[in-house]
C-alpha atoms as a PDB file:
ATOM      1  CA  MET A   1     -14.550  54.261 -68.397  1.00  0.00           C
ATOM      2  CA  LYS A   2     -11.588  52.787 -70.052  1.00  0.00           C
ATOM      3  CA  LEU A   3     -11.099  49.156 -71.101  1.00  0.00           C
ATOM      4  CA  SER A   4      -7.844  47.195 -69.865  1.00  0.00           C
ATOM      5  CA  CYS A   5      -6.760  43.700 -69.969  1.00  0.00           C
ATOM      6  CA  CYS A   6      -5.878  41.728 -66.833  1.00  0.00           C
ATOM      7  CA  TRP A   7      -2.789  39.676 -66.268  1.00  0.00           C
ATOM      8  CA  LEU A   8      -4.841  36.688 -65.910  1.00  0.00           C
ATOM      9  CA  TYR A   9      -4.661  36.542 -69.741  1.00  0.00           C
ATOM     10  CA  ALA A  10      -0.869  36.120 -69.648  1.00  0.00           C
ATOM     11  CA  ILE A  11      -0.876  33.617 -66.664  1.00  0.00           C
ATOM     12  CA  SER A  12      -3.488  31.510 -68.463  1.00  0.00           C
ATOM     13  CA  LYS A  13      -1.247  31.243 -71.476  1.00  0.00           C
ATOM     14  CA  TYR A  14       2.149  31.084 -69.932  1.00  0.00           C
ATOM     15  CA  GLY A  15       1.814  29.948 -66.368  1.00  0.00           C
ATOM     16  CA  TYR A  16       2.501  31.415 -62.964  1.00  0.00           C
ATOM     17  CA  PRO A  17       4.368  33.383 -62.501  1.00  0.00           C
ATOM     18  CA  VAL A  18       4.966  34.660 -66.169  1.00  0.00           C
ATOM     19  CA  ALA A  19       8.455  34.573 -67.135  1.00  0.00           C
ATOM     20  CA  VAL A  20       9.818  37.857 -68.450  1.00  0.00           C
ATOM     21  CA  PRO A  21      10.473  36.619 -71.944  1.00  0.00           C
ATOM     22  CA  ASP A  22       6.683  35.433 -72.045  1.00  0.00           C
ATOM     23  CA  MET A  23       5.684  38.778 -70.940  1.00  0.00           C
ATOM     24  CA  PHE A  24       6.756  40.225 -74.199  1.00  0.00           C
ATOM     25  CA  LYS A  25       4.663  37.690 -76.082  1.00  0.00           C
ATOM     26  CA  ALA A  26       1.647  38.435 -73.857  1.00  0.00           C
ATOM     27  CA  LEU A  27       1.896  42.116 -74.550  1.00  0.00           C
ATOM     28  CA  GLU A  28       2.069  41.485 -78.298  1.00  0.00           C
ATOM     29  CA  GLU A  29      -0.997  39.281 -77.941  1.00  0.00           C
ATOM     30  CA  MET A  30      -3.020  41.835 -75.772  1.00  0.00           C
ATOM     31  CA  ALA A  31      -2.352  44.579 -78.454  1.00  0.00           C
ATOM     32  CA  ALA A  32      -3.480  42.291 -81.210  1.00  0.00           C
ATOM     33  CA  LEU A  33      -6.712  41.716 -79.325  1.00  0.00           C
ATOM     34  CA  GLY A  34      -7.165  45.632 -79.388  1.00  0.00           C
ATOM     35  CA  PHE A  35      -6.267  46.619 -75.957  1.00  0.00           C
ATOM     36  CA  ARG A  36      -4.702  49.990 -75.342  1.00  0.00           C
ATOM     37  CA  TYR A  37      -4.347  49.511 -71.444  1.00  0.00           C
ATOM     38  CA  VAL A  38      -2.943  46.516 -69.784  1.00  0.00           C
ATOM     39  CA  GLU A  39      -1.581  45.254 -66.392  1.00  0.00           C
ATOM     40  CA  LEU A  40       1.605  43.833 -65.365  1.00  0.00           C
ATOM     41  CA  GLU A  41       2.582  41.534 -62.597  1.00  0.00           C
ATOM     42  CA  GLY A  42       5.711  40.323 -60.703  1.00  0.00           C
ATOM     43  CA  MET A  43       6.162  37.656 -58.046  1.00  0.00           C
ATOM     44  CA  GLN A  44       8.322  38.395 -55.126  1.00  0.00           C
ATOM     45  CA  GLY A  45      11.941  37.161 -55.422  1.00  0.00           C
ATOM     46  CA  SER A  46      13.760  36.648 -58.900  1.00  0.00           C
ATOM     47  CA  ASN A  47      10.643  37.314 -61.028  1.00  0.00           C
ATOM     48  CA  LEU A  48      10.039  40.812 -59.564  1.00  0.00           C
ATOM     49  CA  ARG A  49      13.576  41.609 -59.875  1.00  0.00           C
ATOM     50  CA  GLU A  50      13.753  40.498 -63.477  1.00  0.00           C
ATOM     51  CA  VAL A  51      10.814  42.806 -64.284  1.00  0.00           C
ATOM     52  CA  TRP A  52      12.868  45.719 -62.910  1.00  0.00           C
ATOM     53  CA  GLU A  53      15.858  44.650 -64.807  1.00  0.00           C
ATOM     54  CA  SER A  54      13.855  44.423 -67.994  1.00  0.00           C
ATOM     55  CA  ARG A  55      11.824  47.543 -67.543  1.00  0.00           C
ATOM     56  CA  GLU A  56      13.229  49.538 -70.419  1.00  0.00           C
ATOM     57  CA  ALA A  57      12.907  46.747 -72.807  1.00  0.00           C
ATOM     58  CA  LEU A  58       9.245  46.197 -71.607  1.00  0.00           C
ATOM     59  CA  GLN A  59       8.550  49.940 -71.788  1.00  0.00           C
ATOM     60  CA  ALA A  60      10.062  50.042 -75.325  1.00  0.00           C
ATOM     61  CA  ARG A  61       7.892  47.159 -76.454  1.00  0.00           C
ATOM     62  CA  CYS A  62       4.716  48.815 -74.882  1.00  0.00           C
ATOM     63  CA  ASP A  63       5.491  51.967 -76.689  1.00  0.00           C
ATOM     64  CA  GLU A  64       5.880  50.163 -80.078  1.00  0.00           C
ATOM     65  CA  LEU A  65       2.667  48.302 -79.451  1.00  0.00           C
ATOM     66  CA  SER A  66       0.890  51.739 -78.297  1.00  0.00           C
ATOM     67  CA  LEU A  67       0.219  50.030 -74.995  1.00  0.00           C
ATOM     68  CA  LYS A  68      -0.056  51.768 -71.589  1.00  0.00           C
ATOM     69  CA  VAL A  69       0.536  49.793 -68.200  1.00  0.00           C
ATOM     70  CA  ILE A  70      -1.912  51.188 -65.950  1.00  0.00           C
ATOM     71  CA  ASN A  71      -1.622  48.935 -62.986  1.00  0.00           C
ATOM     72  CA  PHE A  72       1.088  46.903 -61.417  1.00  0.00           C
ATOM     73  CA  CYS A  73       0.360  43.953 -59.115  1.00  0.00           C
ATOM     74  CA  PRO A  74       3.314  42.624 -57.175  1.00  0.00           C
ATOM     75  CA  VAL A  75       2.576  39.233 -55.631  1.00  0.00           C
ATOM     76  CA  ILE A  76       4.247  39.416 -52.175  1.00  0.00           C
ATOM     77  CA  PRO A  77       2.857  36.824 -49.672  1.00  0.00           C
ATOM     78  CA  ASP A  78       5.448  37.729 -47.163  1.00  0.00           C
ATOM     79  CA  LEU A  79       3.903  41.123 -46.632  1.00  0.00           C
ATOM     80  CA  VAL A  80       1.471  39.318 -44.123  1.00  0.00           C
ATOM     81  CA  SER A  81       4.015  36.874 -42.734  1.00  0.00           C
ATOM     82  CA  LEU A  82       4.001  36.448 -38.986  1.00  0.00           C
ATOM     83  CA  ASP A  83       7.797  36.564 -38.984  1.00  0.00           C
ATOM     84  CA  PRO A  84       8.804  39.994 -38.506  1.00  0.00           C
ATOM     85  CA  GLN A  85      11.955  39.823 -40.415  1.00  0.00           C
ATOM     86  CA  LYS A  86      10.396  38.179 -43.470  1.00  0.00           C
ATOM     87  CA  ARG A  87       7.607  40.884 -43.320  1.00  0.00           C
ATOM     88  CA  GLU A  88      10.017  43.678 -42.965  1.00  0.00           C
ATOM     89  CA  ARG A  89      12.098  42.466 -46.057  1.00  0.00           C
ATOM     90  CA  ALA A  90       8.921  42.235 -47.954  1.00  0.00           C
ATOM     91  CA  ILE A  91       7.792  45.652 -47.126  1.00  0.00           C
ATOM     92  CA  GLU A  92      11.068  47.563 -47.312  1.00  0.00           C
ATOM     93  CA  ARG A  93      12.749  45.504 -50.338  1.00  0.00           C
ATOM     94  CA  GLU A  94      10.025  43.827 -52.373  1.00  0.00           C
ATOM     95  CA  PHE A  95       7.076  46.405 -52.156  1.00  0.00           C
ATOM     96  CA  ALA A  96       9.575  49.378 -52.369  1.00  0.00           C
ATOM     97  CA  LEU A  97      10.843  47.720 -55.522  1.00  0.00           C
ATOM     98  CA  ALA A  98       7.403  47.162 -56.849  1.00  0.00           C
ATOM     99  CA  ILE A  99       6.683  50.979 -56.365  1.00  0.00           C
ATOM    100  CA  ARG A 100       9.718  51.882 -58.462  1.00  0.00           C
ATOM    101  CA  ILE A 101       8.379  49.495 -61.086  1.00  0.00           C
ATOM    102  CA  ALA A 102       4.985  51.040 -61.206  1.00  0.00           C
ATOM    103  CA  ASP A 103       6.374  54.389 -60.928  1.00  0.00           C
ATOM    104  CA  TYR A 104       8.574  53.613 -63.980  1.00  0.00           C
ATOM    105  CA  PHE A 105       5.749  52.518 -66.089  1.00  0.00           C
ATOM    106  CA  GLY A 106       3.647  55.510 -65.012  1.00  0.00           C
ATOM    107  CA  CYS A 107       0.883  53.143 -63.555  1.00  0.00           C
ATOM    108  CA  GLU A 108      -2.246  54.722 -62.137  1.00  0.00           C
ATOM    109  CA  THR A 109      -2.589  52.117 -59.361  1.00  0.00           C
ATOM    110  CA  ILE A 110      -0.583  49.620 -57.632  1.00  0.00           C
ATOM    111  CA  GLN A 111      -2.381  46.382 -56.187  1.00  0.00           C
ATOM    112  CA  ALA A 112      -1.961  43.844 -53.584  1.00  0.00           C
ATOM    113  CA  ASP A 113      -3.850  40.706 -52.235  1.00  0.00           C
ATOM    114  CA  SER A 114      -4.434  39.777 -48.729  1.00  0.00           C
ATOM    115  CA  TYR A 115      -3.088  36.246 -49.182  1.00  0.00           C
ATOM    116  CA  THR A 116      -3.552  33.126 -47.050  1.00  0.00           C
ATOM    117  CA  PRO A 117      -2.804  32.666 -43.277  1.00  0.00           C
ATOM    118  CA  PRO A 118       0.033  30.217 -42.398  1.00  0.00           C
ATOM    119  CA  PHE A 119      -2.191  27.147 -42.481  1.00  0.00           C
ATOM    120  CA  GLU A 120      -1.317  23.612 -43.434  1.00  0.00           C
ATOM    121  CA  PHE A 121      -3.466  22.799 -46.648  1.00  0.00           C
ATOM    122  CA  ILE A 122      -4.500  19.285 -47.253  1.00  0.00           C
ATOM    123  CA  GLY A 123      -4.396  19.006 -51.039  1.00  0.00           C
ATOM    124  CA  ASP A 124      -4.964  22.206 -53.048  1.00  0.00           C
ATOM    125  CA  GLN A 125      -3.818  25.703 -51.817  1.00  0.00           C
ATOM    126  CA  PRO A 126      -5.115  28.953 -53.133  1.00  0.00           C
ATOM    127  CA  TYR A 127      -3.082  30.455 -55.964  1.00  0.00           C
ATOM    128  CA  LYS A 128       0.153  28.650 -55.036  1.00  0.00           C
ATOM    129  CA  ASP A 129       1.265  27.295 -58.239  1.00  0.00           C
ATOM    130  CA  MET A 130      -1.315  28.472 -60.886  1.00  0.00           C
ATOM    131  CA  ILE A 131      -4.570  30.255 -60.548  1.00  0.00           C
ATOM    132  CA  SER A 132      -7.281  27.672 -60.451  1.00  0.00           C
ATOM    133  CA  PHE A 133     -11.002  28.033 -59.805  1.00  0.00           C
ATOM    134  CA  GLY A 134     -13.467  25.887 -58.048  1.00  0.00           C
ATOM    135  CA  LEU A 135     -11.203  24.123 -55.572  1.00  0.00           C
ATOM    136  CA  GLN A 136     -12.271  22.646 -52.385  1.00  0.00           C
ATOM    137  CA  TYR A 137      -9.800  23.739 -49.409  1.00  0.00           C
ATOM    138  CA  ARG A 138      -9.193  21.629 -46.348  1.00  0.00           C
ATOM    139  CA  VAL A 139      -6.844  23.160 -43.723  1.00  0.00           C
ATOM    140  CA  VAL A 140      -5.250  22.338 -40.512  1.00  0.00           C
ATOM    141  CA  ILE A 141      -4.998  25.535 -38.137  1.00  0.00           C
ATOM    142  CA  PRO A 142      -1.762  25.259 -36.059  1.00  0.00           C
ATOM    143  CA  PRO A 143      -2.705  25.270 -32.210  1.00  0.00           C
ATOM    144  CA  GLU A 144      -0.588  28.505 -31.865  1.00  0.00           C
ATOM    145  CA  PHE A 145      -2.387  30.467 -34.528  1.00  0.00           C
ATOM    146  CA  ASN A 146      -4.083  33.706 -33.320  1.00  0.00           C
ATOM    147  CA  TRP A 147      -6.545  35.259 -35.863  1.00  0.00           C
ATOM    148  CA  GLN A 148      -6.217  38.731 -34.096  1.00  0.00           C
ATOM    149  CA  GLN A 149      -2.547  38.803 -34.365  1.00  0.00           C
ATOM    150  CA  GLN A 150      -2.700  37.749 -38.102  1.00  0.00           C
ATOM    151  CA  TRP A 151      -5.292  40.493 -38.716  1.00  0.00           C
ATOM    152  CA  ASP A 152      -3.257  43.182 -36.958  1.00  0.00           C
ATOM    153  CA  VAL A 153      -0.331  42.183 -39.165  1.00  0.00           C
ATOM    154  CA  LEU A 154      -2.562  42.603 -42.192  1.00  0.00           C
ATOM    155  CA  VAL A 155      -3.769  45.971 -41.148  1.00  0.00           C
ATOM    156  CA  GLU A 156      -0.064  46.986 -40.265  1.00  0.00           C
ATOM    157  CA  SER A 157       1.209  46.084 -43.658  1.00  0.00           C
ATOM    158  CA  MET A 158      -1.520  47.484 -45.691  1.00  0.00           C
ATOM    159  CA  THR A 159      -1.182  50.830 -43.830  1.00  0.00           C
ATOM    160  CA  ARG A 160       2.645  50.999 -44.435  1.00  0.00           C
ATOM    161  CA  CYS A 161       2.238  49.950 -48.050  1.00  0.00           C
ATOM    162  CA  SER A 162      -0.544  52.466 -48.594  1.00  0.00           C
ATOM    163  CA  LEU A 163       1.638  55.257 -47.111  1.00  0.00           C
ATOM    164  CA  MET A 164       4.671  54.178 -49.212  1.00  0.00           C
ATOM    165  CA  ALA A 165       2.497  54.167 -52.394  1.00  0.00           C
ATOM    166  CA  ARG A 166       0.903  57.621 -51.340  1.00  0.00           C
ATOM    167  CA  GLU A 167       4.325  58.984 -51.229  1.00  0.00           C
ATOM    168  CA  ALA A 168       5.020  57.959 -54.781  1.00  0.00           C
ATOM    169  CA  GLY A 169       1.808  59.387 -56.012  1.00  0.00           C
ATOM    170  CA  LEU A 170       0.138  55.909 -56.416  1.00  0.00           C
ATOM    171  CA  PRO A 171      -3.284  54.981 -55.242  1.00  0.00           C
ATOM    172  CA  PHE A 172      -3.065  51.511 -53.532  1.00  0.00           C
ATOM    173  CA  CYS A 173      -5.757  48.943 -53.858  1.00  0.00           C
ATOM    174  CA  LEU A 174      -6.597  45.364 -52.781  1.00  0.00           C
ATOM    175  CA  GLU A 175      -8.518  42.655 -54.427  1.00  0.00           C
ATOM    176  CA  PRO A 176     -10.722  40.376 -52.189  1.00  0.00           C
ATOM    177  CA  ARG A 177     -10.500  36.905 -53.490  1.00  0.00           C
ATOM    178  CA  VAL A 178     -11.933  33.555 -52.859  1.00  0.00           C
ATOM    179  CA  GLY A 179      -9.760  31.477 -50.378  1.00  0.00           C
ATOM    180  CA  GLU A 180      -7.789  34.484 -48.887  1.00  0.00           C
ATOM    181  CA  MET A 181      -8.091  36.460 -45.749  1.00  0.00           C
ATOM    182  CA  VAL A 182     -10.176  39.223 -47.304  1.00  0.00           C
ATOM    183  CA  SER A 183     -12.470  37.419 -49.422  1.00  0.00           C
ATOM    184  CA  ASN A 184     -15.577  39.528 -49.565  1.00  0.00           C
ATOM    185  CA  THR A 185     -17.012  43.036 -49.629  1.00  0.00           C
ATOM    186  CA  ASP A 186     -17.510  43.203 -45.869  1.00  0.00           C
ATOM    187  CA  GLY A 187     -13.982  41.834 -45.141  1.00  0.00           C
ATOM    188  CA  MET A 188     -12.730  44.494 -47.449  1.00  0.00           C
ATOM    189  CA  LEU A 189     -14.725  47.101 -45.541  1.00  0.00           C
ATOM    190  CA  ARG A 190     -13.341  45.854 -42.189  1.00  0.00           C
ATOM    191  CA  LEU A 191      -9.768  46.183 -43.567  1.00  0.00           C
ATOM    192  CA  MET A 192     -10.407  49.691 -44.821  1.00  0.00           C
ATOM    193  CA  ASP A 193     -11.608  50.779 -41.286  1.00  0.00           C
ATOM    194  CA  GLY A 194      -8.467  49.192 -39.880  1.00  0.00           C
ATOM    195  CA  VAL A 195      -6.233  51.180 -42.202  1.00  0.00           C
ATOM    196  CA  ASP A 196      -8.453  54.379 -41.792  1.00  0.00           C
ATOM    197  CA  ALA A 197      -7.945  54.106 -37.961  1.00  0.00           C
ATOM    198  CA  ALA A 198      -4.114  53.365 -38.100  1.00  0.00           C
ATOM    199  CA  ASP A 199      -3.562  56.358 -40.370  1.00  0.00           C
ATOM    200  CA  PRO A 200      -6.008  58.617 -42.211  1.00  0.00           C
ATOM    201  CA  LEU A 201      -3.547  59.545 -44.816  1.00  0.00           C
ATOM    202  CA  ALA A 202      -3.028  55.755 -45.588  1.00  0.00           C
ATOM    203  CA  GLY A 203      -6.805  55.240 -45.683  1.00  0.00           C
ATOM    204  CA  GLU A 204      -7.394  57.990 -47.988  1.00  0.00           C
ATOM    205  CA  ASN A 205      -5.160  56.258 -50.413  1.00  0.00           C
ATOM    206  CA  PHE A 206      -6.367  52.870 -49.911  1.00  0.00           C
ATOM    207  CA  GLY A 207      -9.191  51.383 -52.077  1.00  0.00           C
ATOM    208  CA  ALA A 208     -10.689  48.198 -53.448  1.00  0.00           C
ATOM    209  CA  VAL A 209     -10.470  46.179 -56.585  1.00  0.00           C
ATOM    210  CA  LEU A 210     -13.842  44.908 -57.241  1.00  0.00           C
ATOM    211  CA  ASP A 211     -13.628  41.494 -59.041  1.00  0.00           C
ATOM    212  CA  THR A 212     -16.848  40.287 -60.294  1.00  0.00           C
ATOM    213  CA  GLY A 213     -15.940  36.741 -60.726  1.00  0.00           C
ATOM    214  CA  HIS A 214     -14.753  36.315 -57.115  1.00  0.00           C
ATOM    215  CA  GLN A 215     -17.452  38.288 -55.469  1.00  0.00           C
ATOM    216  CA  HIS A 216     -20.358  36.668 -57.422  1.00  0.00           C
ATOM    217  CA  ALA A 217     -19.167  33.252 -56.503  1.00  0.00           C
ATOM    218  CA  GLN A 218     -19.298  34.514 -53.023  1.00  0.00           C
ATOM    219  CA  LYS A 219     -22.886  35.054 -53.425  1.00  0.00           C
ATOM    220  CA  GLU A 220     -22.423  38.776 -53.234  1.00  0.00           C
ATOM    221  CA  ILE A 221     -25.199  41.029 -54.726  1.00  0.00           C
ATOM    222  CA  LEU A 222     -22.751  42.981 -56.798  1.00  0.00           C
ATOM    223  CA  PRO A 223     -24.725  46.345 -56.885  1.00  0.00           C
ATOM    224  CA  LEU A 224     -24.889  46.204 -53.148  1.00  0.00           C
ATOM    225  CA  SER A 225     -21.118  45.611 -53.237  1.00  0.00           C
ATOM    226  CA  VAL A 226     -20.798  48.902 -55.071  1.00  0.00           C
ATOM    227  CA  GLU A 227     -23.119  50.662 -52.739  1.00  0.00           C
ATOM    228  CA  LYS A 228     -21.206  49.536 -49.837  1.00  0.00           C
ATOM    229  CA  LEU A 229     -17.669  50.416 -51.366  1.00  0.00           C
ATOM    230  CA  GLY A 230     -18.816  53.472 -53.275  1.00  0.00           C
ATOM    231  CA  ARG A 231     -15.930  55.787 -54.195  1.00  0.00           C
ATOM    232  CA  ARG A 232     -13.510  53.656 -52.695  1.00  0.00           C
ATOM    233  CA  ILE A 233     -13.532  51.210 -55.758  1.00  0.00           C
ATOM    234  CA  PHE A 234     -10.358  52.177 -57.516  1.00  0.00           C
ATOM    235  CA  TYR A 235     -10.388  49.455 -60.208  1.00  0.00           C
ATOM    236  CA  LEU A 236     -12.642  47.010 -61.752  1.00  0.00           C
ATOM    237  CA  HIS A 237     -12.059  43.482 -62.758  1.00  0.00           C
ATOM    238  CA  VAL A 238     -14.811  41.810 -64.723  1.00  0.00           C
ATOM    239  CA  SER A 239     -15.583  38.221 -65.692  1.00  0.00           C
ATOM    240  CA  ASP A 240     -18.608  35.981 -65.541  1.00  0.00           C
ATOM    241  CA  ASN A 241     -19.532  32.719 -63.902  1.00  0.00           C
ATOM    242  CA  ASP A 242     -22.700  30.911 -62.699  1.00  0.00           C
ATOM    243  CA  GLY A 243     -22.618  32.210 -59.072  1.00  0.00           C
ATOM    244  CA  ARG A 244     -21.275  28.919 -57.581  1.00  0.00           C
ATOM    245  CA  VAL A 245     -17.778  28.552 -58.762  1.00  0.00           C
ATOM    246  CA  ASN A 246     -15.255  31.566 -59.130  1.00  0.00           C
ATOM    247  CA  GLU A 247     -14.571  30.772 -62.700  1.00  0.00           C
ATOM    248  CA  HIS A 248     -13.640  33.775 -64.935  1.00  0.00           C
ATOM    249  CA  ARG A 249     -15.545  33.219 -67.984  1.00  0.00           C
ATOM    250  CA  ALA A 250     -16.421  35.585 -70.976  1.00  0.00           C
ATOM    251  CA  LEU A 251     -19.042  38.223 -70.119  1.00  0.00           C
ATOM    252  CA  GLY A 252     -22.617  37.369 -70.727  1.00  0.00           C
ATOM    253  CA  GLU A 253     -21.807  33.616 -70.380  1.00  0.00           C
ATOM    254  CA  GLY A 254     -22.881  33.265 -66.792  1.00  0.00           C
ATOM    255  CA  THR A 255     -25.567  34.765 -64.392  1.00  0.00           C
ATOM    256  CA  MET A 256     -23.987  38.069 -63.546  1.00  0.00           C
ATOM    257  CA  ASP A 257     -26.444  41.190 -63.308  1.00  0.00           C
ATOM    258  CA  TRP A 258     -24.163  43.499 -65.497  1.00  0.00           C
ATOM    259  CA  GLU A 259     -26.723  46.190 -66.109  1.00  0.00           C
ATOM    260  CA  GLY A 260     -27.167  46.342 -62.190  1.00  0.00           C
ATOM    261  CA  LEU A 261     -23.529  46.511 -61.658  1.00  0.00           C
ATOM    262  CA  PHE A 262     -22.980  49.440 -63.991  1.00  0.00           C
ATOM    263  CA  ARG A 263     -26.069  51.278 -62.991  1.00  0.00           C
ATOM    264  CA  ALA A 264     -24.761  51.086 -59.356  1.00  0.00           C
ATOM    265  CA  LEU A 265     -21.288  52.364 -60.637  1.00  0.00           C
ATOM    266  CA  GLN A 266     -22.989  55.266 -62.399  1.00  0.00           C
ATOM    267  CA  LYS A 267     -24.374  56.420 -58.990  1.00  0.00           C
ATOM    268  CA  PHE A 268     -20.732  56.953 -57.801  1.00  0.00           C
ATOM    269  CA  HIS A 269     -19.549  58.291 -61.017  1.00  0.00           C
ATOM    270  CA  PHE A 270     -16.936  55.614 -61.492  1.00  0.00           C
ATOM    271  CA  GLU A 271     -14.860  56.542 -64.430  1.00  0.00           C
ATOM    272  CA  GLY A 272     -11.780  54.215 -64.027  1.00  0.00           C
ATOM    273  CA  TYR A 273     -10.507  51.303 -65.618  1.00  0.00           C
ATOM    274  CA  VAL A 274     -12.687  48.051 -66.437  1.00  0.00           C
ATOM    275  CA  ALA A 275     -10.404  45.163 -66.891  1.00  0.00           C
ATOM    276  CA  LEU A 276     -11.386  42.008 -68.678  1.00  0.00           C
ATOM    277  CA  ASP A 277     -10.381  39.429 -66.246  1.00  0.00           C
ATOM    278  CA  ILE A 278     -11.038  36.290 -68.435  1.00  0.00           C
ATOM    279  CA  GLY A 279      -8.767  33.335 -67.943  1.00  0.00           C
ATOM    280  CA  ARG A 280      -8.404  29.513 -67.544  1.00  0.00           C
ATOM    281  CA  VAL A 281     -11.115  28.848 -70.372  1.00  0.00           C
ATOM    282  CA  PRO A 282     -10.325  26.904 -73.418  1.00  0.00           C
ATOM    283  CA  ASP A 283     -10.997  29.577 -76.052  1.00  0.00           C
ATOM    284  CA  LEU A 284      -9.215  32.432 -74.409  1.00  0.00           C
ATOM    285  CA  GLU A 285      -8.922  34.787 -77.240  1.00  0.00           C
ATOM    286  CA  ASP A 286     -12.501  34.235 -78.592  1.00  0.00           C
ATOM    287  CA  SER A 287     -13.705  34.719 -75.007  1.00  0.00           C
ATOM    288  CA  MET A 288     -11.766  38.028 -74.939  1.00  0.00           C
ATOM    289  CA  ILE A 289     -13.393  39.207 -78.201  1.00  0.00           C
ATOM    290  CA  ARG A 290     -16.831  38.132 -77.104  1.00  0.00           C
ATOM    291  CA  SER A 291     -16.410  39.869 -73.864  1.00  0.00           C
ATOM    292  CA  GLN A 292     -15.319  43.156 -75.596  1.00  0.00           C
ATOM    293  CA  ARG A 293     -18.195  43.182 -77.889  1.00  0.00           C
ATOM    294  CA  TYR A 294     -20.687  42.408 -75.061  1.00  0.00           C
ATOM    295  CA  LEU A 295     -19.301  45.104 -72.843  1.00  0.00           C
ATOM    296  CA  LYS A 296     -19.375  47.706 -75.590  1.00  0.00           C
ATOM    297  CA  ALA A 297     -23.124  46.775 -76.569  1.00  0.00           C
ATOM    298  CA  LEU A 298     -24.015  46.918 -72.891  1.00  0.00           C
ATOM    299  CA  LEU A 299     -22.431  50.263 -72.317  1.00  0.00           C
ATOM    300  CA  ASP A 300     -23.817  51.791 -75.466  1.00  0.00           C
ATOM    301  CA  ARG A 301     -27.312  50.808 -74.449  1.00  0.00           C
ATOM    302  CA  MET A 302     -26.757  52.291 -71.072  1.00  0.00           C
ATOM    303  CA  GLY A 303     -25.285  55.553 -72.527  1.00  0.00           C
ATOM    304  CA  ILE A 304     -22.020  54.911 -70.765  1.00  0.00           C
ATOM    305  CA  GLN A 305     -18.918  55.984 -72.807  1.00  0.00           C
ATOM    306  CA  MET A 306     -15.927  53.429 -73.068  1.00  0.00           C
ATOM    307  CA  THR A 307     -12.612  54.323 -74.355  1.00  0.00           C
END
């Protein structure tokens, strides 16, 4: 397994989305914390375009810092829009550009989310302005909303994105998150079934990001989540919490069954990236360092090699 740093670190320090000048600062800080592998993210619209326009400078800084960008996560909510024109533009322009970015950096995966349906949120809305945890959501569902139509759009878009990523040689993965259309393991399995049925080649290229912070807060038994997803876990985000709120705290500072999780991953010979997904905590750098030490000690005890 290989240790990576999630982009939540940058978001926690510099806001959402992270402006390109702050991306350079975040990369320097990730390197100073001892990471060799990192994520990068871009928000649909000007932020994504600016990442593309700054790609050479960002790559040069990564080279200077001995960093490798291993996963690119474009944030493109219009991928699941019920407006066909918005959705087509999101796929053919925004996601196509994201693939070019991921390919330029030599990423090993490209990632998406399932986002939220077009509800009216009363008060807080998931991941709108800043990634926050422990929020209570109230919604008004429009009378004309049809869940099956929304689900079909999600399956169609993820199928097309997976095929586009496959053509570029990039495995495509989706992260179930609290408050979104696919929020748990079984929702992810249903989406995988839909993509598999729509196009087997897309299905072969489509996997999951298992995020321990989100799934533990969903009352998932994480070793069972691993058992269900098996070899279709492409990437792992790790953080801890108390199982009630989807906080992303330092490893060992919640109630996560870390040994059970990694024993389950061993069964399926998972050798991918384990990304520390710590954020929105008051002692971010110290939490990262404590988590690195905790993870190394755990894996050494279990006889699992980490690089």
